[in-house]
Amino acid sequence: MNNRLSVMIYLFFYVFEKGTNAMTVTSPTEINASLGSGSTIILNCSFEKETGERVNQLSWRKKNETGNEYRKIVSYYQSYAVYLDLEMKKRSNSISFDDSSPSVILNISEVQCKDDGQYRCIVEYINSNGIGMETLTETSVYIQVMAEIPEFSIQPANTTLEEYSAVNLSCSANVGRPGGMVTIWKRSISSDERIQLGSSSSLVTDNGNCSVYAQLLITYNLSRSDHGFIFGCTSKNRHTKNPAPSNEVGPRTILYGPSNISFEMRPNQTHYYVKDVIQLTCISDGNPRPTFRWKFNSTDIMEHRKYTFLSGNATVKFTIQYLNESGNYRCYVENYVNEKYMIKNYSITITVKEQNIILKPIATESCFRDACSFIEKCYENENTAVCSKDIWRIISLIFITLSLILGMATVSLCVLLKIQKRRKDYIKDGFNMGDGEGRNYETLGSRETHTYPSASQAVTVDGEGAHYESLGSGETHTYSSIQPTVSI
């Protein structure tokens, strides 16, 4: 309790003696300026005092390049200023404060590299209790210098390199002010996207010309994915706008032997039959582009009537002719990388089987509804109805057809022979007439004539009662009307 009372009494007398220290001071926290005679740095320090406070002096100070000490550049009093840095006095001017303008200004022209750094504005004043006080604010000044195009190299400088070989990438540049970095990257020839490989971490500063140098050296192992890539370097600082200064080399050609070999087989089946057509394709990476050759078991496959090569020998096409074409088909892939012969191979085994009876599936699921034709039989195979040719039905159909044709031909021949025989009998017998003989005569049309070999008696025609004269041998008679059939 006594200790707390003592602290409160101490604070009361301290505040009474020192006052509330209400003075407010403001200045820019950061200023960026370009190097050159046309550039300026304006350091403006303003203050705001409370009632009863009185400002005695303001000053601008700059932090030394080494250490943490600040040297005084100029001091400001009511309506005038005093320079303590004579070199700064030659290329700057100052505006002091007064009752109507509570601020001071240090205007630096012909900006130099050494103007970069930390500045302080310190205000010295008397508080409302008559006690001397001071307060301050800080401003960082950055002198901007553009980053320059970097120097970039790749060793070895060959544009054609082998996979897994190592290259040294070197980049250096004046990255300007404030200090920046260099970055090494790669990109595809067909893209602007840059893949970063490394960036600088060490800086070398030359205060004489306001330059900041950055350098980077990395060792990079090439892969086949780097084929056709460009390598480059960029320099920049935090004020650099895109596109940043860059330098690049390339593209690079990456050589590698055959790899990632695979087979493509059409049709892709577990086994094949005689007369099947097969197409084998060998697929492989490689740069330069590999060549292909084939073997069946231990025999080279050459292009002739049986084998056809496509796509630069990468594909072989042939028709199976014999059962003994089962065996090992091997593809050899080869190229040259930096005068080194590179070769790999890949094989596949093909099985040729004897052709089974080809069953034709039908739409029904069983033979209950037989959808097969007359010359086919229906079988059930795995609960599916299938049709196959029935040789005995085919033979029966052919036999029946031939029998019908032969029978019709026999009947036709018999009828024809009978007709011819009747005609011959009529011609042979003629119309000879004798006593008591009965004759049949052919039908004669109106005004037709008939010659009889001999006739000795008159003729009576039934149904009409007509009488005819006796005719001598070789005589003729013309009939005016004769019925279809006459009997003598």
Protein backbone atom coordinates (compact mmCIF):
# COMPACT_ATOMS: atom_id res chain seq x y z
CA MET A 1 0.00 0.00 0.00
CA ASN A 2 2.81 2.42 0.90
CA ASN A 3 4.71 1.48 -2.30
CA ARG A 4 1.68 2.21 -4.50
CA LEU A 5 1.20 5.58 -2.88
CA SER A 6 4.83 6.46 -3.46
CA VAL A 7 4.58 5.60 -7.22
CA MET A 8 1.49 7.75 -7.62
CA ILE A 9 3.13 10.73 -5.94
CA TYR A 10 6.21 10.34 -8.19
CA LEU A 11 4.12 10.24 -11.37
CA PHE A 12 2.21 13.35 -10.27
CA PHE A 13 5.31 15.41 -9.79
CA TYR A 14 6.92 14.00 -13.02
CA VAL A 15 3.96 14.99 -15.16
CA PHE A 16 3.78 18.36 -13.45
CA GLU A 17 7.42 18.96 -14.19
CA LYS A 18 7.66 17.49 -17.74
CA GLY A 19 4.17 18.27 -19.00
CA THR A 20 2.17 15.99 -21.35
CA ASN A 21 4.66 16.17 -24.28
CA ALA A 22 1.79 16.79 -26.76
CA MET A 23 3.95 18.05 -29.70
CA THR A 24 3.15 16.17 -32.99
CA VAL A 25 5.74 15.91 -35.81
CA THR A 26 5.15 14.42 -39.32
CA SER A 27 7.31 13.81 -42.40
CA PRO A 28 7.19 11.38 -45.41
CA THR A 29 8.11 7.86 -44.41
CA GLU A 30 9.65 7.11 -47.86
CA ILE A 31 10.84 9.14 -50.83
CA ASN A 32 11.93 7.66 -54.19
CA ALA A 33 14.06 9.80 -56.46
CA SER A 34 15.83 9.23 -59.76
CA LEU A 35 19.53 9.82 -60.20
CA GLY A 36 20.45 12.90 -62.26
CA SER A 37 20.53 16.67 -62.45
CA GLY A 38 16.81 16.91 -63.28
CA SER A 39 15.72 15.11 -60.12
CA THR A 40 14.93 16.59 -56.69
CA ILE A 41 14.35 15.37 -53.15
CA ILE A 42 11.86 17.35 -51.06
CA LEU A 43 12.12 16.74 -47.29
CA ASN A 44 9.16 18.36 -45.56
CA CYS A 45 8.83 18.27 -41.76
CA SER A 46 5.68 19.70 -40.10
CA PHE A 47 4.79 20.08 -36.45
CA GLU A 48 1.67 20.79 -34.46
CA LYS A 49 2.05 22.31 -31.01
CA GLU A 50 -0.32 22.62 -28.09
CA THR A 51 -1.14 25.70 -26.05
CA GLY A 52 1.79 26.91 -24.00
CA GLU A 53 4.40 25.11 -26.18
CA ARG A 54 7.16 27.01 -27.94
CA VAL A 55 9.42 25.67 -30.74
CA ASN A 56 13.05 26.69 -30.48
CA GLN A 57 14.73 24.80 -33.32
CA LEU A 58 14.22 22.13 -36.03
CA SER A 59 16.94 20.26 -37.88
CA TRP A 60 17.38 17.71 -40.71
CA ARG A 61 20.02 15.07 -40.05
CA LYS A 62 21.32 12.15 -42.16
CA LYS A 63 22.57 8.77 -40.97
CA ASN A 64 26.26 8.12 -41.68
CA GLU A 65 27.09 5.34 -44.17
CA THR A 66 28.88 3.51 -41.34
CA GLY A 67 27.61 3.28 -37.78
CA ASN A 68 24.36 4.53 -36.32
CA GLU A 69 25.27 8.22 -35.86
CA TYR A 70 23.37 11.06 -37.59
CA ARG A 71 25.12 14.19 -38.82
CA LYS A 72 23.31 17.54 -38.88
CA ILE A 73 22.74 19.02 -42.38
CA VAL A 74 20.79 22.19 -41.57
CA SER A 75 19.23 23.85 -38.47
CA TYR A 76 16.03 25.90 -38.66
CA TYR A 77 15.17 28.83 -36.42
CA GLN A 78 12.32 31.28 -36.52
CA SER A 79 12.41 32.63 -40.13
CA TYR A 80 15.96 31.51 -41.05
CA ALA A 81 18.18 28.43 -41.50
CA VAL A 82 21.84 27.62 -40.88
CA TYR A 83 23.71 24.97 -42.96
CA LEU A 84 26.27 22.76 -41.29
CA ASP A 85 26.95 20.68 -44.48
CA LEU A 86 28.55 23.11 -46.91
CA GLU A 87 28.46 20.67 -49.89
CA MET A 88 24.71 20.22 -49.42
CA LYS A 89 24.30 24.03 -49.26
CA LYS A 90 25.56 24.31 -52.86
CA ARG A 91 22.76 22.18 -54.37
CA SER A 92 19.82 22.74 -52.01
CA ASN A 93 17.63 25.43 -50.53
CA SER A 94 15.70 25.63 -47.26
CA ILE A 95 12.49 27.17 -46.03
CA SER A 96 12.25 27.83 -42.28
CA PHE A 97 9.20 27.90 -40.05
CA ASP A 98 7.36 30.86 -38.54
CA ASP A 99 4.12 31.48 -36.73
CA SER A 100 2.09 31.23 -39.93
CA SER A 101 3.91 28.18 -41.39
CA PRO A 102 4.64 25.38 -38.88
CA SER A 103 6.98 23.39 -41.15
CA VAL A 104 10.48 23.36 -42.59
CA ILE A 105 11.57 22.20 -46.10
CA LEU A 106 14.91 20.93 -47.37
CA ASN A 107 14.86 20.83 -51.19
CA ILE A 108 17.84 18.85 -52.60
CA SER A 109 18.54 19.18 -56.35
CA GLU A 110 21.05 17.45 -58.64
CA VAL A 111 20.41 14.16 -56.86
CA GLN A 112 23.51 12.09 -56.23
CA CYS A 113 24.03 8.49 -55.21
CA LYS A 114 25.13 9.54 -51.68
CA ASP A 115 21.74 11.20 -51.07
CA ASP A 116 20.33 7.71 -50.56
CA GLY A 117 19.79 6.83 -46.89
CA GLN A 118 17.93 7.56 -43.62
CA TYR A 119 16.96 11.15 -42.64
CA ARG A 120 15.62 12.50 -39.32
CA CYS A 121 13.63 15.61 -38.54
CA ILE A 122 14.17 16.63 -34.86
CA VAL A 123 12.04 19.29 -33.18
CA GLU A 124 13.34 21.01 -30.00
CA TYR A 125 10.69 22.91 -27.97
CA ILE A 126 9.62 24.11 -24.52
CA ASN A 127 6.55 22.42 -23.12
CA SER A 128 3.72 24.10 -21.24
CA ASN A 129 5.61 23.62 -17.96
CA GLY A 130 8.68 25.39 -19.28
CA ILE A 131 10.71 22.20 -19.65
CA GLY A 132 12.91 21.69 -22.76
CA MET A 133 11.83 18.69 -24.84
CA GLU A 134 12.47 17.20 -28.30
CA THR A 135 10.63 14.78 -30.66
CA LEU A 136 11.52 13.35 -34.07
CA THR A 137 10.36 11.52 -37.17
CA GLU A 138 12.29 9.49 -39.83
CA THR A 139 12.24 9.45 -43.63
CA SER A 140 13.87 6.85 -45.91
CA VAL A 141 15.21 8.19 -49.21
CA TYR A 142 15.78 5.73 -52.08
CA ILE A 143 17.70 6.73 -55.15
CA GLN A 144 16.24 4.77 -58.07
CA VAL A 145 18.57 3.44 -60.75
CA MET A 146 17.27 1.28 -63.58
CA ALA A 147 18.46 -2.33 -63.71
CA GLU A 148 20.65 -3.04 -66.71
CA ILE A 149 20.57 -5.93 -69.20
CA PRO A 150 22.46 -8.82 -67.61
CA GLU A 151 25.41 -10.74 -69.01
CA PHE A 152 24.46 -14.40 -69.41
CA SER A 153 26.37 -17.46 -70.58
CA ILE A 154 25.99 -21.25 -70.69
CA GLN A 155 28.92 -23.67 -70.66
CA PRO A 156 29.47 -25.77 -72.63
CA ALA A 157 28.08 -23.51 -75.31
CA ASN A 158 27.11 -26.37 -77.67
CA THR A 159 23.52 -26.10 -78.87
CA THR A 160 23.31 -29.92 -79.09
CA LEU A 161 23.86 -31.71 -75.79
CA GLU A 162 23.31 -35.20 -74.43
CA GLU A 163 20.74 -36.04 -71.79
CA TYR A 164 22.03 -35.99 -68.18
CA SER A 165 25.00 -33.78 -69.11
CA ALA A 166 25.69 -30.84 -66.75
CA VAL A 167 25.88 -27.21 -67.85
CA ASN A 168 27.04 -24.12 -65.94
CA LEU A 169 24.70 -21.13 -66.13
CA SER A 170 26.24 -17.75 -65.23
CA CYS A 171 24.46 -14.40 -64.88
CA SER A 172 25.62 -10.98 -63.62
CA ALA A 173 24.16 -7.47 -63.88
CA ASN A 174 23.93 -4.00 -62.41
CA VAL A 175 20.51 -4.38 -60.79
CA GLY A 176 20.26 -0.65 -60.00
CA ARG A 177 18.96 1.09 -56.89
CA PRO A 178 17.57 -0.03 -54.56
CA GLY A 179 19.54 -3.25 -54.76
CA GLY A 180 17.73 -6.04 -56.60
CA MET A 181 18.62 -9.51 -57.91
CA VAL A 182 19.28 -11.62 -60.98
CA THR A 183 17.22 -14.71 -61.80
CA ILE A 184 18.09 -17.63 -64.09
CA TRP A 185 15.20 -19.42 -65.82
CA LYS A 186 14.19 -21.61 -68.75
CA ARG A 187 11.17 -21.61 -71.05
CA SER A 188 9.76 -23.52 -73.98
CA ILE A 189 10.29 -22.02 -77.41
CA SER A 190 6.51 -21.98 -77.86
CA SER A 191 5.67 -20.37 -74.51
CA ASP A 192 6.43 -17.20 -72.54
CA GLU A 193 6.10 -18.95 -69.17
CA ARG A 194 9.45 -18.91 -67.34
CA ILE A 195 10.47 -21.71 -64.99
CA GLN A 196 12.85 -20.31 -62.36
CA LEU A 197 16.06 -22.26 -61.79
CA GLY A 198 17.70 -19.93 -59.21
CA SER A 199 18.09 -16.32 -58.02
CA SER A 200 21.01 -14.32 -56.62
CA SER A 201 21.49 -13.85 -52.89
CA SER A 202 24.78 -11.88 -52.77
CA LEU A 203 25.16 -8.21 -53.75
CA VAL A 204 28.24 -6.10 -54.41
CA THR A 205 27.63 -2.35 -54.09
CA ASP A 206 29.72 0.36 -55.76
CA ASN A 207 28.81 3.67 -54.16
CA GLY A 208 30.88 5.63 -56.64
CA ASN A 209 28.37 5.33 -59.50
CA CYS A 210 25.34 4.19 -57.49
CA SER A 211 25.52 0.69 -58.99
CA VAL A 212 24.52 -2.53 -57.28
CA TYR A 213 25.89 -5.67 -58.90
CA ALA A 214 24.38 -9.12 -58.49
CA GLN A 215 25.89 -12.37 -59.71
CA LEU A 216 24.61 -15.96 -59.90
CA LEU A 217 26.23 -19.23 -61.00
CA ILE A 218 24.38 -22.55 -60.97
CA THR A 219 25.06 -26.06 -62.31
CA TYR A 220 22.12 -27.67 -64.06
CA ASN A 221 21.66 -31.28 -65.23
CA LEU A 222 19.84 -31.52 -68.56
CA SER A 223 16.94 -33.90 -69.18
CA ARG A 224 15.02 -34.83 -72.31
CA SER A 225 12.23 -32.50 -71.21
CA ASP A 226 14.65 -29.60 -71.84
CA HIS A 227 14.65 -30.36 -75.56
CA GLY A 228 13.81 -27.17 -77.45
CA PHE A 229 14.03 -25.00 -74.31
CA ILE A 230 15.59 -21.55 -74.08
CA PHE A 231 17.72 -20.56 -71.05
CA GLY A 232 17.98 -16.97 -69.86
CA CYS A 233 18.56 -14.44 -67.08
CA THR A 234 16.70 -11.35 -65.81
CA SER A 235 17.88 -8.42 -63.66
CA LYS A 236 15.50 -6.29 -61.59
CA ASN A 237 14.87 -4.38 -58.38
CA ARG A 238 11.64 -3.56 -56.60
CA HIS A 239 10.99 -0.57 -58.83
CA THR A 240 11.61 -2.41 -62.10
CA LYS A 241 8.59 -2.61 -64.35
CA ASN A 242 7.86 -5.49 -66.71
CA PRO A 243 9.32 -6.48 -69.02
CA ALA A 244 12.49 -6.57 -66.93
CA PRO A 245 15.89 -6.45 -68.70
CA SER A 246 16.76 -9.99 -69.85
CA ASN A 247 19.28 -11.97 -71.85
CA GLU A 248 18.81 -15.51 -73.20
CA VAL A 249 20.45 -18.28 -75.24
CA GLY A 250 19.02 -21.25 -77.03
CA PRO A 251 17.13 -23.27 -77.88
CA ARG A 252 19.00 -26.43 -76.90
CA THR A 253 18.74 -29.82 -78.63
CA ILE A 254 18.83 -32.73 -76.16
CA LEU A 255 19.91 -36.14 -77.51
CA TYR A 256 18.87 -39.44 -75.90
CA GLY A 257 18.65 -43.09 -76.84
CA PRO A 258 15.56 -45.27 -77.38
CA SER A 259 13.29 -45.50 -74.34
CA ASN A 260 9.69 -46.06 -73.24
CA ILE A 261 9.27 -48.84 -75.81
CA SER A 262 5.80 -50.39 -76.15
CA PHE A 263 3.79 -52.51 -78.60
CA GLU A 264 0.47 -51.89 -80.28
CA MET A 265 -1.21 -54.94 -81.85
CA ARG A 266 -4.27 -54.87 -84.13
CA PRO A 267 -6.47 -56.73 -83.66
CA ASN A 268 -5.49 -57.32 -80.05
CA GLN A 269 -6.42 -60.96 -79.39
CA THR A 270 -5.15 -63.83 -77.25
CA HIS A 271 -4.74 -66.03 -80.34
CA TYR A 272 -5.16 -65.88 -84.12
CA TYR A 273 -6.16 -68.11 -87.01
CA VAL A 274 -4.90 -68.74 -90.51
CA LYS A 275 -5.93 -65.92 -92.91
CA ASP A 276 -6.08 -63.37 -90.05
CA VAL A 277 -4.44 -60.03 -90.88
CA ILE A 278 -2.14 -58.71 -88.10
CA GLN A 279 -0.58 -55.26 -87.69
CA LEU A 280 2.25 -54.80 -85.15
CA THR A 281 3.46 -51.30 -84.25
CA CYS A 282 6.59 -50.54 -82.21
CA ILE A 283 6.45 -47.26 -80.26
CA SER A 284 9.58 -45.59 -78.81
CA ASP A 285 11.03 -42.26 -77.74
CA GLY A 286 14.44 -41.16 -78.92
CA ASN A 287 16.35 -38.18 -80.31
CA PRO A 288 17.45 -38.37 -83.04
CA ARG A 289 14.42 -40.28 -84.25
CA PRO A 290 15.18 -44.01 -83.96
CA THR A 291 15.01 -46.60 -86.75
CA PHE A 292 13.22 -49.97 -86.51
CA ARG A 293 13.88 -53.53 -87.64
CA TRP A 294 12.01 -56.79 -86.97
CA LYS A 295 12.66 -60.48 -86.33
CA PHE A 296 10.41 -63.52 -86.20
CA ASN A 297 12.05 -65.87 -83.72
CA SER A 298 15.67 -65.62 -84.97
CA THR A 299 14.87 -64.76 -88.61
CA ASP A 300 15.00 -61.21 -89.96
CA ILE A 301 11.71 -59.98 -91.36
CA MET A 302 12.23 -58.45 -94.79
CA GLU A 303 9.66 -56.59 -96.86
CA HIS A 304 8.17 -58.72 -99.68
CA ARG A 305 4.75 -60.07 -100.66
CA LYS A 306 3.98 -61.35 -97.17
CA TYR A 307 5.23 -58.44 -95.04
CA THR A 308 4.40 -54.77 -95.54
CA PHE A 309 6.21 -52.04 -93.55
CA LEU A 310 4.57 -48.73 -92.65
CA SER A 311 5.57 -45.51 -90.81
CA GLY A 312 9.29 -45.88 -91.42
CA ASN A 313 9.33 -49.61 -90.49
CA ALA A 314 7.73 -48.89 -87.13
CA THR A 315 4.71 -50.96 -88.24
CA VAL A 316 4.71 -54.39 -89.92
CA LYS A 317 1.52 -55.81 -91.48
CA PHE A 318 1.04 -59.42 -92.68
CA THR A 319 -1.48 -62.23 -93.19
CA ILE A 320 -1.12 -65.49 -91.27
CA GLN A 321 -0.76 -68.34 -93.74
CA TYR A 322 0.33 -71.33 -91.64
CA LEU A 323 -0.09 -72.67 -88.12
CA ASN A 324 3.69 -72.62 -87.60
CA GLU A 325 3.67 -68.79 -87.62
CA SER A 326 3.14 -68.89 -83.87
CA GLY A 327 6.22 -67.51 -82.12
CA ASN A 328 8.18 -64.49 -80.96
CA TYR A 329 8.03 -61.22 -82.91
CA ARG A 330 10.77 -58.80 -81.79
CA CYS A 331 11.26 -55.11 -82.58
CA TYR A 332 14.76 -53.55 -82.46
CA VAL A 333 14.95 -49.77 -81.91
CA GLU A 334 18.25 -47.95 -82.51
CA ASN A 335 19.79 -44.51 -83.02
CA TYR A 336 23.15 -42.68 -82.64
CA VAL A 337 23.79 -40.21 -79.82
CA ASN A 338 27.06 -38.30 -80.13
CA GLU A 339 28.44 -41.07 -82.36
CA LYS A 340 27.40 -43.73 -79.83
CA TYR A 341 25.22 -46.61 -81.04
CA MET A 342 22.12 -46.96 -78.84
CA ILE A 343 19.80 -49.98 -79.18
CA LYS A 344 16.89 -51.52 -77.30
CA ASN A 345 14.36 -54.20 -78.19
CA TYR A 346 10.89 -55.34 -77.28
CA SER A 347 9.09 -58.59 -78.11
CA ILE A 348 5.66 -60.17 -78.11
CA THR A 349 4.48 -63.77 -78.58
CA ILE A 350 1.70 -64.61 -81.03
CA THR A 351 -0.27 -67.88 -80.91
CA VAL A 352 -1.90 -69.27 -84.06
CA LYS A 353 -4.65 -71.90 -83.59
CA GLU A 354 -6.54 -74.18 -85.94
CA GLN A 355 -9.75 -72.65 -87.23
CA ASN A 356 -12.86 -73.91 -85.44
CA ILE A 357 -16.35 -74.21 -86.98
CA ILE A 358 -17.72 -70.72 -87.24
CA LEU A 359 -21.14 -70.57 -85.66
CA LYS A 360 -23.49 -67.85 -86.70
CA PRO A 361 -25.42 -66.33 -83.78
CA ILE A 362 -29.14 -65.81 -84.26
CA ALA A 363 -31.49 -63.51 -82.49
CA THR A 364 -33.33 -66.15 -80.45
CA GLU A 365 -32.07 -67.17 -77.06
CA SER A 366 -32.86 -70.88 -77.63
CA CYS A 367 -33.79 -73.30 -80.42
CA PHE A 368 -37.44 -73.29 -79.36
CA ARG A 369 -38.04 -70.69 -82.08
CA ASP A 370 -35.82 -72.00 -84.83
CA ALA A 371 -34.67 -69.01 -86.90
CA CYS A 372 -32.23 -71.10 -88.92
CA SER A 373 -32.78 -71.78 -92.64
CA PHE A 374 -33.66 -75.17 -94.14
CA ILE A 375 -30.01 -76.03 -94.76
CA GLU A 376 -28.92 -75.12 -91.19
CA LYS A 377 -29.18 -76.81 -87.84
CA CYS A 378 -29.80 -75.01 -84.57
CA TYR A 379 -27.53 -75.55 -81.56
CA GLU A 380 -27.61 -74.04 -78.11
CA ASN A 381 -24.22 -72.64 -77.02
CA GLU A 382 -24.09 -71.04 -73.58
CA ASN A 383 -27.85 -70.48 -73.59
CA THR A 384 -27.65 -68.82 -77.00
CA ALA A 385 -29.09 -70.28 -80.20
CA VAL A 386 -26.58 -70.54 -83.04
CA CYS A 387 -26.91 -71.83 -86.61
CA SER A 388 -24.47 -74.01 -88.51
CA LYS A 389 -24.58 -75.51 -92.00
CA ASP A 390 -26.05 -79.10 -92.20
CA ILE A 391 -24.26 -80.89 -95.04
CA TRP A 392 -26.84 -83.73 -95.24
CA ARG A 393 -29.67 -81.28 -95.65
CA ILE A 394 -27.77 -79.59 -98.45
CA ILE A 395 -27.16 -82.99 -100.18
CA SER A 396 -30.85 -83.96 -99.78
CA LEU A 397 -31.99 -80.67 -101.29
CA ILE A 398 -29.70 -81.13 -104.28
CA PHE A 399 -30.88 -84.79 -104.79
CA ILE A 400 -34.58 -83.84 -104.66
CA THR A 401 -34.04 -80.99 -107.11
CA LEU A 402 -32.18 -83.19 -109.59
CA SER A 403 -34.84 -85.93 -109.27
CA LEU A 404 -37.64 -83.48 -110.09
CA ILE A 405 -35.77 -82.18 -113.10
CA LEU A 406 -35.07 -85.73 -114.37
CA GLY A 407 -38.71 -86.83 -113.91
CA MET A 408 -40.09 -83.85 -115.79
CA ALA A 409 -37.62 -84.45 -118.62
CA THR A 410 -38.66 -88.18 -118.86
CA VAL A 411 -42.40 -87.40 -119.04
CA SER A 412 -41.82 -84.74 -121.70
CA LEU A 413 -39.77 -87.19 -123.79
CA CYS A 414 -42.42 -89.93 -123.61
CA VAL A 415 -45.17 -87.58 -124.77
CA LEU A 416 -43.07 -86.40 -127.67
CA LEU A 417 -42.27 -89.94 -128.82
CA LYS A 418 -45.93 -90.95 -128.71
CA ILE A 419 -46.94 -88.00 -130.87
CA GLN A 420 -44.24 -88.76 -133.43
CA LYS A 421 -45.31 -92.44 -133.60
CA ARG A 422 -48.93 -91.51 -134.36
CA ARG A 423 -47.87 -89.26 -137.18
CA LYS A 424 -45.74 -91.97 -138.71
CA ASP A 425 -48.69 -94.42 -138.57
CA TYR A 426 -50.95 -91.99 -140.40
CA ILE A 427 -48.49 -91.45 -143.17
CA LYS A 428 -47.83 -95.18 -143.56
CA ASP A 429 -51.47 -96.35 -143.67
CA GLY A 430 -52.84 -93.42 -145.75
CA PHE A 431 -56.46 -93.56 -146.77
CA ASN A 432 -56.65 -97.03 -148.48
CA MET A 433 -60.27 -98.20 -148.60
CA GLY A 434 -61.42 -101.85 -149.09
CA ASP A 435 -64.66 -103.86 -148.77
CA GLY A 436 -65.70 -104.15 -145.26
CA GLU A 437 -62.75 -102.13 -144.04
CA GLY A 438 -63.25 -99.30 -141.60
CA ARG A 439 -61.02 -96.18 -141.93
CA ASN A 440 -60.59 -93.02 -139.94
CA TYR A 441 -59.84 -89.87 -141.87
CA GLU A 442 -58.19 -86.73 -140.83
CA THR A 443 -60.19 -83.57 -140.61
CA LEU A 444 -60.05 -81.50 -143.79
CA GLY A 445 -60.89 -77.90 -144.11
CA SER A 446 -63.14 -76.33 -146.70
CA ARG A 447 -61.87 -76.71 -150.25
CA GLU A 448 -58.97 -79.00 -149.10
CA THR A 449 -57.96 -81.90 -151.34
CA HIS A 450 -56.71 -85.41 -150.58
CA THR A 451 -55.19 -87.91 -152.91
CA TYR A 452 -55.90 -91.56 -152.34
CA PRO A 453 -53.59 -94.30 -153.47
CA SER A 454 -56.54 -96.43 -154.71
CA ALA A 455 -60.32 -96.52 -154.40
CA SER A 456 -62.72 -99.01 -156.00
CA GLN A 457 -65.97 -98.32 -154.29
CA ALA A 458 -68.19 -95.47 -153.32
CA VAL A 459 -67.98 -94.03 -149.86
CA THR A 460 -70.87 -93.26 -147.55
CA VAL A 461 -70.39 -90.67 -144.87
CA ASP A 462 -72.24 -91.33 -141.62
CA GLY A 463 -74.60 -88.64 -140.48
CA GLU A 464 -74.92 -86.90 -143.82
CA GLY A 465 -75.90 -89.73 -146.26
CA ALA A 466 -73.62 -88.32 -148.91
CA HIS A 467 -72.37 -90.62 -151.68
CA TYR A 468 -69.05 -90.26 -153.35
CA GLU A 469 -67.92 -91.44 -156.71
CA SER A 470 -65.46 -94.19 -157.21
CA LEU A 471 -62.02 -92.75 -157.72
CA GLY A 472 -59.26 -94.26 -159.55
CA SER A 473 -55.76 -94.61 -158.42
CA GLY A 474 -54.07 -91.25 -158.21
CA GLU A 475 -57.31 -89.29 -158.73
CA THR A 476 -58.28 -86.34 -156.61
CA HIS A 477 -61.55 -85.02 -155.27
CA THR A 478 -62.36 -81.69 -153.79
CA TYR A 479 -64.79 -81.63 -150.84
CA SER A 480 -67.03 -78.69 -150.26
CA SER A 481 -67.75 -79.64 -146.67
CA ILE A 482 -66.49 -82.41 -144.45
CA GLN A 483 -67.27 -83.02 -140.80
CA PRO A 484 -64.40 -83.41 -138.31
CA THR A 485 -64.58 -87.23 -138.25
CA VAL A 486 -65.88 -89.70 -140.84
CA SER A 487 -66.38 -93.45 -140.66
CA ILE A 488 -66.33 -95.65 -143.75
